[in-house]
Amino acid sequence: MKQLPFFALVLLSCHAGSSVPSTSTTLALEKGAQPVAQARDTAVDTILADDMRKHVELLASDAFEGRETLKPGYDKAAGYLSEQFASYGLTPMPGQKNFIVPYKLAKQSYDMAQTSLALRAADGDKALALGVEATPFSFSDEGALDADVVFAGYGISAPELGWDDYKGLDVKGKWVLVLRHAPGYLDEASPFFGGEPKEKKEAPSDAKGKGKGDAGKAGGQARDPRSYSTFTSKAFNAQEHGAKGMLLVSGPVTAEMADDLRLPERLSVPLTAAESAARDTKIAEQKAAMAARAAEQASAAADAKGSTKGASKGAPKGASKGAQAGGKAKAGAPAAEKTLLAFQISPSNAERLLANTKMRLLDLQKAVDAGTPAKKFKLKAHATARVTELKDAPLVTGKNVIGYLEGSDPQLKNEFVVVGGHFDHLGRMEGEEPNSDAAKKDTVYNGADDNASGTSGMLEIAQAFAGSAQRPRRSMLFMGFSGEEKGLLGSKAL
């Protein structure tokens, strides 16, 4: 789309709140432009809290199904914004015939004919229904894995907080079953949510004095304890301990709503040739850096082992037994690329994996929260999986909704003030297995504050300016962006 000379940009995003906008809202207009100031003061009187509330209540209602990009509720929301713009007397932006402005997206997902997960437990084998009983994470690597399952608590190693779920576990080449969130979820006494750790330890150091993985610090700064709860943090930690697969489950203690086991879709704005080349270069550099770091760690580990167990008398300080014998680890040697298959599974299927322990998932989670080490719970379970991405990402069409108000100044009307907010949210899911208790829970992510509230503010401002007797000197664009929850896609496409 043709680039426009935007003069100012006002974004109304999540947490916009429901209060009436202040008359001091800055639109970057020249000092002393009295007609514009009068228009703004008059217009703001039409912005009413009741009107904003009506927009929010409608957009955040179950009828809009959470407004997920490319879903029916999102189409309905785009239609509503279009209707409102038309009722205000706005027109489509220059060069467009409609308020809805389409843009292209690449839709990447998994090849379901080549993606599967099956569990073997005391009650036999079971292939899980993907999208209902389990789903691969969007960050999962491709590949296959047929291995035993080891319970690894919350999958967290945080020695500075006195917690290490992997202590005493051998997970190399295996699956790990981990709980979502962190111990003492939302309990202010928990060290992961603001409390003091009962037993605080320094992160272990290698022979060169660097923290092994530097579990508690990043760039010399203390790590936010809440970050240990993220899916990717658990996945990286599983990799660091040699696991090849991760199965994550929401435990009953921390479950707040039905599990969202929809199959992931990754949407992206198609790259230009130059952007694609830059991306490939960056990926190559990142892989090279990771390989170099892995080789350095392997060399340091070999040096440390040799200095404590087999350094010969008179050998240079720090020389390892392996190094003297022509060793196996060399600095700069390429390291095998780490891969990890990652799935979220339903609580009922996690229960199957625990069958031999004679414990329910609720009791197991409570025991872990109370400090029982994960190694105490030995599973007799196995998992087999394959993950394959679609090779050709089809192109689909996204929708931004844009209304235009022409400025009154013959020269300045070619500059634009933009007022925008995203109208999409996270959508809805079916819950867990059909007819289960989880499936009967509220499964709509309504998105009242994120971002029906901001969209409401944008609509009210549009109505006020469109209805003002004195138009602003510069033109105005009122934009409802989509794809924000998928990665700021609607705004990137402009």
Protein backbone atom coordinates (compact mmCIF):
# COMPACT_ATOMS: atom_id res chain seq x y z
CA MET A 1 0.00 0.00 0.00
CA LYS A 2 1.20 3.54 -0.76
CA GLN A 3 3.06 5.14 2.13
CA LEU A 4 1.31 8.16 3.66
CA PRO A 5 3.02 11.16 5.32
CA PHE A 6 1.73 10.46 8.84
CA PHE A 7 2.10 13.54 11.02
CA ALA A 8 1.15 12.10 14.37
CA LEU A 9 0.11 8.75 15.73
CA VAL A 10 -2.14 8.10 18.69
CA LEU A 11 -2.47 4.41 19.59
CA LEU A 12 -5.19 3.26 21.94
CA SER A 13 -4.05 -0.15 23.08
CA CYS A 14 -4.85 -2.59 25.86
CA HIS A 15 -5.45 -1.29 29.38
CA ALA A 16 -6.92 1.88 27.90
CA GLY A 17 -9.45 1.82 30.73
CA SER A 18 -13.01 3.08 30.68
CA SER A 19 -12.55 6.66 31.82
CA VAL A 20 -13.47 9.59 29.58
CA PRO A 21 -10.42 10.82 27.60
CA SER A 22 -8.96 14.08 28.86
CA THR A 23 -9.26 17.26 26.83
CA SER A 24 -5.49 17.49 27.14
CA THR A 25 -5.00 14.55 24.73
CA THR A 26 -2.19 15.68 22.43
CA LEU A 27 -2.71 15.53 18.69
CA ALA A 28 0.53 17.37 17.86
CA LEU A 29 -1.19 20.41 16.39
CA GLU A 30 0.60 23.76 16.12
CA LYS A 31 0.65 26.07 19.06
CA GLY A 32 -1.71 28.99 18.64
CA ALA A 33 -4.00 27.31 16.08
CA GLN A 34 -7.14 28.62 17.75
CA PRO A 35 -9.76 27.17 15.34
CA VAL A 36 -8.34 23.68 15.89
CA ALA A 37 -8.33 24.08 19.67
CA GLN A 38 -11.97 25.20 19.60
CA ALA A 39 -12.93 22.21 17.44
CA ARG A 40 -11.21 19.84 19.82
CA ASP A 41 -12.87 21.35 22.91
CA THR A 42 -16.31 21.21 21.31
CA ALA A 43 -15.83 17.68 20.02
CA VAL A 44 -14.72 16.20 23.32
CA ASP A 45 -18.10 17.01 24.88
CA THR A 46 -19.66 14.28 22.73
CA ILE A 47 -17.34 11.57 24.11
CA LEU A 48 -19.46 9.87 26.75
CA ALA A 49 -18.63 7.06 29.15
CA ASP A 50 -21.98 5.38 28.46
CA ASP A 51 -21.27 5.28 24.72
CA MET A 52 -17.81 3.82 25.30
CA ARG A 53 -19.30 1.21 27.61
CA LYS A 54 -21.79 0.16 24.94
CA HIS A 55 -19.00 -0.40 22.41
CA VAL A 56 -17.00 -2.45 24.90
CA GLU A 57 -19.95 -4.56 26.02
CA LEU A 58 -20.83 -5.39 22.43
CA LEU A 59 -17.32 -6.13 21.14
CA ALA A 60 -16.45 -8.15 24.25
CA SER A 61 -19.68 -10.15 24.22
CA ASP A 62 -19.68 -13.90 23.56
CA ALA A 63 -21.40 -13.18 20.23
CA PHE A 64 -18.05 -11.90 18.90
CA GLU A 65 -16.27 -15.09 20.07
CA GLY A 66 -13.11 -13.30 21.20
CA ARG A 67 -12.43 -11.63 17.81
CA GLU A 68 -9.52 -13.88 16.85
CA THR A 69 -7.91 -12.81 13.57
CA LEU A 70 -9.35 -14.70 10.57
CA LYS A 71 -12.22 -16.15 12.63
CA PRO A 72 -15.95 -15.31 12.27
CA GLY A 73 -16.06 -13.08 15.37
CA TYR A 74 -13.22 -10.99 13.96
CA ASP A 75 -15.12 -10.54 10.68
CA LYS A 76 -18.13 -9.46 12.71
CA ALA A 77 -16.03 -6.91 14.61
CA ALA A 78 -14.56 -5.53 11.37
CA GLY A 79 -18.08 -5.12 10.04
CA TYR A 80 -19.15 -3.29 13.19
CA LEU A 81 -16.28 -0.80 12.90
CA SER A 82 -17.16 -0.20 9.26
CA GLU A 83 -20.78 0.49 10.16
CA GLN A 84 -19.75 2.94 12.87
CA PHE A 85 -17.38 4.82 10.57
CA ALA A 86 -20.12 5.14 7.94
CA SER A 87 -22.63 6.40 10.53
CA TYR A 88 -20.16 9.10 11.62
CA GLY A 89 -19.84 10.38 8.07
CA LEU A 90 -16.24 9.22 7.56
CA THR A 91 -15.11 8.00 4.14
CA PRO A 92 -12.65 5.28 3.06
CA MET A 93 -9.04 6.41 3.04
CA PRO A 94 -7.63 7.78 -0.24
CA GLY A 95 -7.09 5.04 -2.78
CA GLN A 96 -9.54 2.63 -1.11
CA LYS A 97 -13.15 1.86 -1.99
CA ASN A 98 -14.12 0.46 1.42
CA PHE A 99 -13.36 0.97 5.07
CA ILE A 100 -11.98 -2.57 5.23
CA VAL A 101 -8.41 -2.53 3.90
CA PRO A 102 -7.10 -6.04 3.11
CA TYR A 103 -3.51 -7.22 3.54
CA LYS A 104 -1.75 -10.52 2.86
CA LEU A 105 -0.56 -12.97 5.50
CA ALA A 106 1.40 -16.21 5.30
CA LYS A 107 -0.29 -18.95 7.35
CA GLN A 108 2.17 -21.49 8.73
CA SER A 109 0.92 -24.57 10.55
CA TYR A 110 1.63 -28.27 10.97
CA ASP A 111 1.10 -31.09 8.49
CA MET A 112 -1.49 -33.01 10.45
CA ALA A 113 -0.96 -36.14 8.36
CA GLN A 114 2.63 -36.18 9.60
CA THR A 115 2.16 -34.86 13.15
CA SER A 116 1.06 -37.13 15.99
CA LEU A 117 1.43 -37.97 19.67
CA ALA A 118 0.74 -41.32 21.35
CA LEU A 119 1.15 -42.30 24.99
CA ARG A 120 1.84 -45.71 26.51
CA ALA A 121 0.95 -46.23 30.15
CA ALA A 122 -0.38 -48.91 32.47
CA ASP A 123 -3.74 -48.98 30.69
CA GLY A 124 -2.19 -49.43 27.24
CA ASP A 125 -1.46 -47.28 24.19
CA LYS A 126 -3.50 -44.27 23.12
CA ALA A 127 -3.12 -41.93 20.15
CA LEU A 128 -4.18 -38.44 21.26
CA ALA A 129 -6.54 -36.31 19.22
CA LEU A 130 -4.53 -33.21 18.35
CA GLY A 131 -6.48 -30.00 18.83
CA VAL A 132 -8.60 -31.65 21.53
CA GLU A 133 -6.40 -33.76 23.84
CA ALA A 134 -3.02 -32.30 22.96
CA THR A 135 -1.36 -29.70 20.78
CA PRO A 136 2.21 -29.04 19.67
CA PHE A 137 3.65 -25.73 20.81
CA SER A 138 4.34 -23.26 18.02
CA PHE A 139 8.03 -23.26 19.04
CA SER A 140 8.38 -27.04 18.84
CA ASP A 141 11.11 -28.33 16.58
CA GLU A 142 10.32 -30.77 13.80
CA GLY A 143 11.33 -34.39 14.13
CA ALA A 144 10.40 -37.65 15.82
CA LEU A 145 10.92 -39.05 19.31
CA ASP A 146 10.15 -42.45 20.83
CA ALA A 147 11.26 -42.44 24.47
CA ASP A 148 10.38 -42.88 28.13
CA VAL A 149 8.69 -40.11 30.10
CA VAL A 150 10.26 -38.64 33.26
CA PHE A 151 8.33 -36.41 35.66
CA ALA A 152 10.30 -33.17 36.19
CA GLY A 153 8.04 -31.15 38.51
CA TYR A 154 7.59 -27.62 37.19
CA GLY A 155 10.62 -28.01 34.91
CA ILE A 156 12.44 -25.20 36.74
CA SER A 157 16.10 -24.89 37.76
CA ALA A 158 16.52 -21.79 39.91
CA PRO A 159 19.32 -22.40 42.45
CA GLU A 160 19.26 -18.75 43.51
CA LEU A 161 15.69 -19.39 44.69
CA GLY A 162 16.51 -22.73 46.29
CA TRP A 163 14.64 -24.74 43.66
CA ASP A 164 15.78 -27.33 41.11
CA ASP A 165 13.27 -29.81 39.71
CA TYR A 166 15.98 -31.59 37.73
CA LYS A 167 18.17 -32.42 40.72
CA GLY A 168 18.86 -36.16 40.71
CA LEU A 169 17.05 -36.77 37.41
CA ASP A 170 18.46 -38.36 34.26
CA VAL A 171 16.43 -37.01 31.36
CA LYS A 172 18.96 -37.31 28.54
CA GLY A 173 17.22 -38.36 25.34
CA LYS A 174 13.84 -38.65 27.10
CA TRP A 175 10.54 -36.84 27.45
CA VAL A 176 9.91 -34.70 30.51
CA LEU A 177 6.43 -34.20 31.92
CA VAL A 178 6.26 -30.76 33.54
CA LEU A 179 3.60 -28.72 35.32
CA ARG A 180 2.53 -25.32 34.08
CA HIS A 181 3.31 -22.15 36.11
CA ALA A 182 5.58 -22.26 39.20
CA PRO A 183 5.47 -23.55 42.79
CA GLY A 184 3.15 -21.60 45.07
CA TYR A 185 1.28 -20.05 42.17
CA LEU A 186 0.36 -16.41 42.96
CA ASP A 187 1.25 -16.96 46.62
CA GLU A 188 3.22 -13.92 47.85
CA ALA A 189 5.17 -16.23 50.17
CA SER A 190 6.53 -18.18 47.19
CA PRO A 191 9.98 -17.04 46.00
CA PHE A 192 8.60 -17.14 42.45
CA PHE A 193 6.00 -14.52 43.35
CA GLY A 194 7.83 -12.17 45.68
CA GLY A 195 8.65 -14.27 48.74
CA GLU A 196 12.06 -15.10 50.17
CA PRO A 197 13.57 -18.51 49.29
CA LYS A 198 13.97 -20.96 52.18
CA GLU A 199 17.34 -22.10 50.87
CA LYS A 200 19.30 -19.77 48.61
CA LYS A 201 22.24 -21.05 46.58
CA GLU A 202 24.56 -19.59 43.99
CA ALA A 203 24.33 -20.94 40.48
CA PRO A 204 27.01 -23.65 39.89
CA SER A 205 30.17 -22.47 38.11
CA ASP A 206 32.31 -24.13 35.48
CA ALA A 207 36.12 -24.17 35.49
CA LYS A 208 36.27 -20.72 33.92
CA GLY A 209 34.16 -19.12 36.59
CA LYS A 210 31.02 -18.72 34.51
CA GLY A 211 27.65 -19.80 35.84
CA LYS A 212 26.62 -23.04 34.12
CA GLY A 213 23.73 -21.76 32.10
CA ASP A 214 23.73 -18.85 34.57
CA ALA A 215 20.33 -20.01 35.74
CA GLY A 216 19.58 -16.99 37.89
CA LYS A 217 21.19 -14.16 35.99
CA ALA A 218 21.10 -12.70 32.52
CA GLY A 219 23.75 -10.22 31.51
CA GLY A 220 24.74 -9.79 35.18
CA GLN A 221 21.19 -8.77 36.15
CA ALA A 222 18.97 -10.70 38.53
CA ARG A 223 16.38 -12.72 36.67
CA ASP A 224 12.70 -12.02 37.23
CA PRO A 225 11.48 -15.13 39.12
CA ARG A 226 8.18 -15.07 37.23
CA SER A 227 10.01 -15.70 33.96
CA TYR A 228 10.64 -19.29 35.03
CA SER A 229 6.93 -19.94 34.47
CA THR A 230 6.94 -19.32 30.72
CA PHE A 231 6.57 -22.16 28.26
CA THR A 232 9.79 -21.31 26.45
CA SER A 233 11.78 -21.09 29.69
CA LYS A 234 10.69 -24.61 30.62
CA ALA A 235 11.53 -25.82 27.11
CA PHE A 236 15.02 -24.27 27.14
CA ASN A 237 15.70 -25.74 30.57
CA ALA A 238 14.61 -29.19 29.39
CA GLN A 239 17.05 -28.86 26.49
CA GLU A 240 19.86 -27.78 28.80
CA HIS A 241 19.37 -30.99 30.78
CA GLY A 242 19.46 -33.16 27.67
CA ALA A 243 15.76 -33.89 27.24
CA LYS A 244 14.48 -34.37 23.71
CA GLY A 245 10.81 -33.80 24.37
CA MET A 246 8.54 -31.85 26.74
CA LEU A 247 4.94 -32.61 27.70
CA LEU A 248 3.37 -29.75 29.65
CA VAL A 249 0.16 -30.02 31.68
CA SER A 250 -1.93 -27.55 33.66
CA GLY A 251 -2.17 -28.90 37.19
CA PRO A 252 -5.50 -28.58 39.06
CA VAL A 253 -3.97 -26.27 41.69
CA THR A 254 -3.08 -23.62 39.11
CA ALA A 255 -5.76 -24.22 36.47
CA GLU A 256 -7.77 -21.02 36.00
CA MET A 257 -9.81 -22.02 32.96
CA ALA A 258 -10.18 -24.75 30.38
CA ASP A 259 -6.97 -25.67 28.58
CA ASP A 260 -6.53 -24.05 25.20
CA LEU A 261 -5.47 -27.00 23.06
CA ARG A 262 -6.24 -25.49 19.67
CA LEU A 263 -3.70 -26.29 17.02
CA PRO A 264 -1.27 -23.39 16.67
CA GLU A 265 -1.15 -21.25 13.56
CA ARG A 266 1.68 -18.82 12.94
CA LEU A 267 0.73 -15.85 10.82
CA SER A 268 3.28 -13.48 9.34
CA VAL A 269 3.42 -10.61 6.89
CA PRO A 270 5.25 -11.96 3.80
CA LEU A 271 8.82 -10.71 3.63
CA THR A 272 10.37 -8.83 0.75
CA ALA A 273 13.43 -10.41 -0.88
CA ALA A 274 15.72 -8.06 1.08
CA GLU A 275 13.95 -8.81 4.37
CA SER A 276 14.14 -12.55 3.71
CA ALA A 277 17.89 -12.35 3.02
CA ALA A 278 18.44 -10.33 6.20
CA ARG A 279 16.45 -12.85 8.22
CA ASP A 280 18.44 -15.80 6.83
CA THR A 281 21.70 -14.02 7.66
CA LYS A 282 20.54 -13.35 11.22
CA ILE A 283 19.47 -16.98 11.72
CA ALA A 284 22.82 -18.21 10.43
CA GLU A 285 24.66 -15.88 12.81
CA GLN A 286 22.54 -17.04 15.75
CA LYS A 287 23.21 -20.71 14.96
CA ALA A 288 26.93 -20.04 14.67
CA ALA A 289 26.93 -18.23 18.01
CA MET A 290 25.00 -21.08 19.68
CA ALA A 291 27.42 -23.66 18.26
CA ALA A 292 30.41 -21.66 19.48
CA ARG A 293 28.89 -21.29 22.96
CA ALA A 294 28.13 -25.03 23.13
CA ALA A 295 31.67 -25.87 22.05
CA GLU A 296 33.10 -23.49 24.68
CA GLN A 297 30.96 -25.08 27.40
CA ALA A 298 32.00 -28.58 26.31
CA SER A 299 35.66 -27.57 26.38
CA ALA A 300 35.27 -25.97 29.82
CA ALA A 301 33.54 -29.08 31.16
CA ALA A 302 36.34 -31.29 29.80
CA ASP A 303 38.98 -29.02 31.38
CA ALA A 304 37.19 -29.07 34.72
CA LYS A 305 36.85 -32.86 34.69
CA GLY A 306 40.49 -33.35 33.77
CA SER A 307 41.79 -30.92 36.40
CA THR A 308 39.97 -32.74 39.20
CA LYS A 309 40.24 -36.37 38.09
CA GLY A 310 43.13 -36.92 35.76
CA ALA A 311 45.53 -34.04 35.33
CA SER A 312 49.05 -35.55 35.18
CA LYS A 313 51.84 -34.16 37.30
CA GLY A 314 53.59 -31.30 35.60
CA ALA A 315 50.83 -30.76 33.02
CA PRO A 316 49.80 -27.16 32.38
CA LYS A 317 47.29 -25.88 34.90
CA GLY A 318 43.76 -26.66 33.78
CA ALA A 319 44.82 -29.19 31.15
CA SER A 320 42.40 -32.10 31.15
CA LYS A 321 43.08 -35.79 30.90
CA GLY A 322 41.07 -35.82 27.71
CA ALA A 323 43.13 -32.98 26.27
CA GLN A 324 46.40 -34.75 27.06
CA ALA A 325 45.16 -37.90 25.42
CA GLY A 326 44.00 -36.13 22.36
CA GLY A 327 40.59 -35.52 24.05
CA LYS A 328 37.03 -35.66 22.74
CA ALA A 329 36.03 -32.03 23.26
CA LYS A 330 37.83 -29.25 21.46
CA ALA A 331 37.19 -25.54 21.59
CA GLY A 332 35.56 -24.42 18.39
CA ALA A 333 34.40 -27.90 17.42
CA PRO A 334 30.87 -27.89 15.99
CA ALA A 335 28.24 -29.04 18.46
CA ALA A 336 25.26 -31.21 17.58
CA GLU A 337 22.20 -29.02 17.15
CA LYS A 338 19.77 -29.33 20.03
CA THR A 339 16.18 -30.15 19.19
CA LEU A 340 13.10 -30.46 21.36
CA LEU A 341 9.61 -31.63 20.53
CA ALA A 342 7.11 -29.81 22.74
CA PHE A 343 3.42 -30.50 23.38
CA GLN A 344 0.76 -29.46 25.84
CA ILE A 345 -1.48 -32.33 26.90
CA SER A 346 -4.79 -32.46 28.73
CA PRO A 347 -4.88 -33.21 32.49
CA SER A 348 -6.78 -36.46 31.90
CA ASN A 349 -3.99 -37.79 29.69
CA ALA A 350 -1.35 -36.66 32.17
CA GLU A 351 -3.25 -38.71 34.76
CA ARG A 352 -2.69 -41.79 32.58
CA LEU A 353 1.06 -41.22 32.65
CA LEU A 354 0.93 -41.18 36.46
CA ALA A 355 -1.02 -44.44 36.75
CA ASN A 356 1.81 -46.49 38.24
CA THR A 357 2.38 -43.93 41.03
CA LYS A 358 -1.20 -44.43 42.31
CA MET A 359 -1.46 -40.63 42.61
CA ARG A 360 -3.86 -38.16 41.09
CA LEU A 361 -2.45 -35.09 39.35
CA LEU A 362 -3.86 -32.84 42.10
CA ASP A 363 -2.07 -34.77 44.86
CA LEU A 364 1.15 -34.88 42.86
CA GLN A 365 1.12 -31.12 42.33
CA LYS A 366 0.43 -30.46 46.01
CA ALA A 367 3.33 -32.72 46.97
CA VAL A 368 5.70 -30.88 44.62
CA ASP A 369 4.52 -27.51 45.97
CA ALA A 370 5.24 -28.80 49.48
CA GLY A 371 8.84 -29.52 48.50
CA THR A 372 8.85 -33.20 47.54
CA PRO A 373 11.57 -33.62 44.86
CA ALA A 374 10.43 -34.64 41.41
CA LYS A 375 12.83 -37.60 41.47
CA LYS A 376 10.60 -39.26 44.09
CA PHE A 377 7.93 -39.85 41.44
CA LYS A 378 9.17 -42.48 38.99
CA LEU A 379 6.89 -43.03 36.03
CA LYS A 380 6.44 -46.13 33.92
CA ALA A 381 5.31 -44.33 30.80
CA HIS A 382 6.37 -43.85 27.20
CA ALA A 383 5.54 -41.36 24.45
CA THR A 384 5.94 -41.46 20.68
CA ALA A 385 5.58 -38.35 18.56
CA ARG A 386 6.32 -36.77 15.23
CA VAL A 387 6.13 -33.08 14.35
CA THR A 388 6.15 -31.88 10.73
CA GLU A 389 5.47 -28.38 9.48
CA LEU A 390 3.71 -27.61 6.23
CA LYS A 391 6.36 -26.78 3.69
CA ASP A 392 4.35 -24.24 1.73
CA ALA A 393 2.59 -21.58 3.78
CA PRO A 394 -0.64 -20.53 2.04
CA LEU A 395 -1.47 -16.84 1.75
CA VAL A 396 -4.59 -15.57 3.49
CA THR A 397 -6.17 -12.12 3.76
CA GLY A 398 -6.24 -10.02 6.91
CA LYS A 399 -8.40 -6.95 7.48
CA ASN A 400 -7.65 -3.52 8.89
CA VAL A 401 -10.55 -1.08 9.18
CA ILE A 402 -9.70 2.55 8.35
CA GLY A 403 -11.89 5.66 8.30
CA TYR A 404 -10.79 8.99 6.78
CA LEU A 405 -11.59 12.59 7.69
CA GLU A 406 -10.18 15.14 5.24
CA GLY A 407 -8.43 18.15 6.70
CA SER A 408 -9.56 21.72 6.04
CA ASP A 409 -6.21 23.27 5.11
CA PRO A 410 -5.34 22.96 1.37
CA GLN A 411 -1.70 22.27 2.17
CA LEU A 412 -1.76 20.57 5.55
CA LYS A 413 -4.52 18.14 4.60
CA ASN A 414 -1.84 16.04 2.90
CA GLU A 415 -0.43 15.29 6.36
CA PHE A 416 -2.22 12.81 8.58
CA VAL A 417 -2.98 12.41 12.27
CA VAL A 418 -3.58 8.71 13.01
CA VAL A 419 -5.72 7.47 15.91
CA GLY A 420 -5.59 3.70 16.14
CA GLY A 421 -6.16 0.64 18.28
CA HIS A 422 -6.30 -3.09 17.59
CA PHE A 423 -9.72 -4.72 17.65
CA ASP A 424 -8.68 -8.40 17.57
CA HIS A 425 -8.17 -10.66 20.58
CA LEU A 426 -7.49 -14.35 21.33
CA GLY A 427 -10.74 -15.96 20.21
CA ARG A 428 -12.28 -19.04 21.79
CA MET A 429 -11.52 -22.72 22.17
CA GLU A 430 -13.51 -25.88 22.71
CA GLY A 431 -11.91 -26.79 26.02
CA GLU A 432 -10.66 -30.28 26.66
CA GLU A 433 -12.42 -33.51 25.71
CA PRO A 434 -16.07 -33.07 24.70
CA ASN A 435 -18.49 -33.25 27.64
CA SER A 436 -15.67 -32.98 30.18
CA ASP A 437 -15.92 -30.54 33.09
CA ALA A 438 -13.25 -28.36 31.45
CA ALA A 439 -15.24 -28.15 28.22
CA LYS A 440 -18.22 -26.78 30.13
CA LYS A 441 -16.24 -23.82 31.46
CA ASP A 442 -16.18 -20.39 29.84
CA THR A 443 -14.05 -20.84 26.73
CA VAL A 444 -14.25 -17.34 25.22
CA TYR A 445 -11.39 -14.89 25.62
CA ASN A 446 -13.64 -11.81 25.56
CA GLY A 447 -10.89 -9.16 25.49
CA ALA A 448 -12.78 -6.28 27.11
CA ASP A 449 -9.65 -4.40 28.16
CA ASP A 450 -7.44 -5.94 25.48
CA ASN A 451 -8.59 -4.22 23.41
CA ALA A 452 -12.31 -3.51 23.14
CA SER A 453 -11.66 -0.58 25.48
CA GLY A 454 -9.04 0.98 23.20
CA THR A 455 -11.21 0.34 20.15
CA SER A 456 -14.09 2.05 21.93
CA GLY A 457 -11.92 5.10 22.58
CA MET A 458 -10.88 5.24 18.95
CA LEU A 459 -14.53 5.09 17.81
CA GLU A 460 -15.61 7.84 20.18
CA ILE A 461 -12.78 10.13 19.07
CA ALA A 462 -13.68 9.43 15.43
CA GLN A 463 -17.31 10.31 16.05
CA ALA A 464 -16.37 13.51 17.87
CA PHE A 465 -14.09 14.84 15.15
CA ALA A 466 -16.41 13.77 12.35
CA GLY A 467 -19.33 15.59 14.00
CA SER A 468 -17.45 18.78 14.78
CA ALA A 469 -18.43 21.97 12.91
CA GLN A 470 -14.76 22.93 12.67
CA ARG A 471 -12.63 20.31 10.98
CA PRO A 472 -8.95 19.89 11.88
CA ARG A 473 -6.48 21.40 9.43
CA ARG A 474 -4.71 18.09 8.88
CA SER A 475 -6.49 14.98 7.68
CA MET A 476 -7.21 12.23 10.17
CA LEU A 477 -7.15 8.44 9.84
CA PHE A 478 -8.97 6.27 12.36
CA MET A 479 -7.53 2.77 12.25
CA GLY A 480 -8.75 -0.50 13.68
CA PHE A 481 -5.79 -2.87 13.41
CA SER A 482 -6.11 -6.65 13.30
CA GLY A 483 -3.51 -9.36 13.85
CA GLU A 484 -2.06 -7.59 16.92
CA GLU A 485 -2.28 -10.71 19.06
CA LYS A 486 -0.54 -12.67 16.31
CA GLY A 487 2.46 -10.35 16.26
CA LEU A 488 1.45 -6.75 15.45
CA LEU A 489 0.64 -7.89 11.93
CA GLY A 490 -2.01 -5.37 10.92
CA SER A 491 0.17 -2.39 11.78
CA LYS A 492 3.22 -3.97 10.14
CA ALA A 493 1.28 -4.43 6.91
CA LEU A 494 0.56 -0.71 6.50
